[in-house]
Amino acid sequence: MSELDDLLRQRAEIEARIQEVMAGEVDQLRLEFAELAYKLRELNALPASVASIFTDKAGTFNSYRTMRVKRPA
């Protein structure tokens, strides 16, 4: 049983590491998406249906706030 316990422990560690890496990738993709939406809006190339998602009731466009990511410094 010790070999099985060892393999199960390794599996749990690998799955935890996969989750960490996946979370980092998702955060990076969300930031890239927010930046792309902002750039497309500046070029008036963002579809109106997408622009409305990033626009609040006051008419302010902010893809970073909507995607809940911090704007790079």
Protein backbone atom coordinates (compact mmCIF):
# COMPACT_ATOMS: atom_id res chain seq x y z
CA MET A 1 0.00 0.00 0.00
CA SER A 2 2.88 2.41 0.48
CA GLU A 3 3.53 2.55 -3.26
CA LEU A 4 -0.14 3.35 -3.86
CA ASP A 5 -0.06 6.03 -1.17
CA ASP A 6 3.03 7.53 -2.76
CA LEU A 7 1.47 7.56 -6.22
CA LEU A 8 -1.74 9.14 -4.89
CA ARG A 9 0.30 11.83 -3.13
CA GLN A 10 2.23 12.54 -6.33
CA ARG A 11 -1.02 12.72 -8.27
CA ALA A 12 -2.46 15.22 -5.80
CA GLU A 13 0.69 17.36 -6.05
CA ILE A 14 0.57 17.28 -9.86
CA GLU A 15 -3.11 18.19 -9.95
CA ALA A 16 -2.49 21.09 -7.55
CA ARG A 17 0.35 22.34 -9.75
CA ILE A 18 -1.85 22.06 -12.85
CA GLN A 19 -4.47 24.22 -11.14
CA GLU A 20 -1.84 26.84 -10.21
CA VAL A 21 -0.49 27.03 -13.75
CA MET A 22 -3.98 27.13 -15.25
CA ALA A 23 -4.99 30.00 -12.94
CA GLY A 24 -1.90 31.96 -14.01
CA GLU A 25 -2.64 31.35 -17.68
CA VAL A 26 -6.26 32.43 -17.27
CA ASP A 27 -5.18 35.64 -15.51
CA GLN A 28 -2.73 36.42 -18.31
CA LEU A 29 -5.35 35.77 -21.01
CA ARG A 30 -7.87 37.99 -19.23
CA LEU A 31 -5.32 40.81 -19.14
CA GLU A 32 -4.53 40.33 -22.84
CA PHE A 33 -8.24 40.35 -23.68
CA ALA A 34 -8.80 43.59 -21.73
CA GLU A 35 -5.84 45.21 -23.50
CA LEU A 36 -7.06 44.06 -26.91
CA ALA A 37 -10.58 45.37 -26.27
CA TYR A 38 -9.14 48.73 -25.20
CA LYS A 39 -6.96 48.98 -28.31
CA LEU A 40 -9.81 47.98 -30.63
CA ARG A 41 -12.03 50.60 -29.05
CA GLU A 42 -9.39 53.26 -29.62
CA LEU A 43 -9.40 52.30 -33.31
CA ASN A 44 -13.21 52.22 -33.46
CA ALA A 45 -12.94 48.57 -34.49
CA LEU A 46 -14.67 47.03 -31.48
CA PRO A 47 -18.16 45.74 -32.31
CA ALA A 48 -20.91 47.72 -30.59
CA SER A 49 -22.27 44.63 -28.84
CA VAL A 50 -18.87 43.99 -27.24
CA ALA A 51 -18.28 47.67 -26.45
CA SER A 52 -21.57 47.83 -24.58
CA ILE A 53 -20.42 45.03 -22.28
CA PHE A 54 -17.38 47.08 -21.26
CA THR A 55 -19.34 50.34 -20.86
CA ASP A 56 -20.97 51.25 -17.54
CA LYS A 57 -24.20 53.20 -16.97
CA ALA A 58 -22.33 56.50 -17.03
CA GLY A 59 -21.02 55.72 -20.52
CA THR A 60 -17.44 55.09 -19.38
CA PHE A 61 -15.58 52.37 -21.27
CA ASN A 62 -13.25 50.36 -19.04
CA SER A 63 -12.33 46.86 -20.15
CA TYR A 64 -9.87 46.43 -17.27
CA ARG A 65 -12.50 47.01 -14.60
CA THR A 66 -15.00 44.75 -16.34
CA MET A 67 -12.45 41.94 -16.68
CA ARG A 68 -11.30 42.57 -13.08
CA VAL A 69 -7.63 42.90 -13.97
CA LYS A 70 -5.13 45.59 -13.12
CA ARG A 71 -3.88 47.85 -15.87
CA PRO A 72 -0.16 47.31 -16.40
CA ALA A 73 2.06 50.05 -15.09
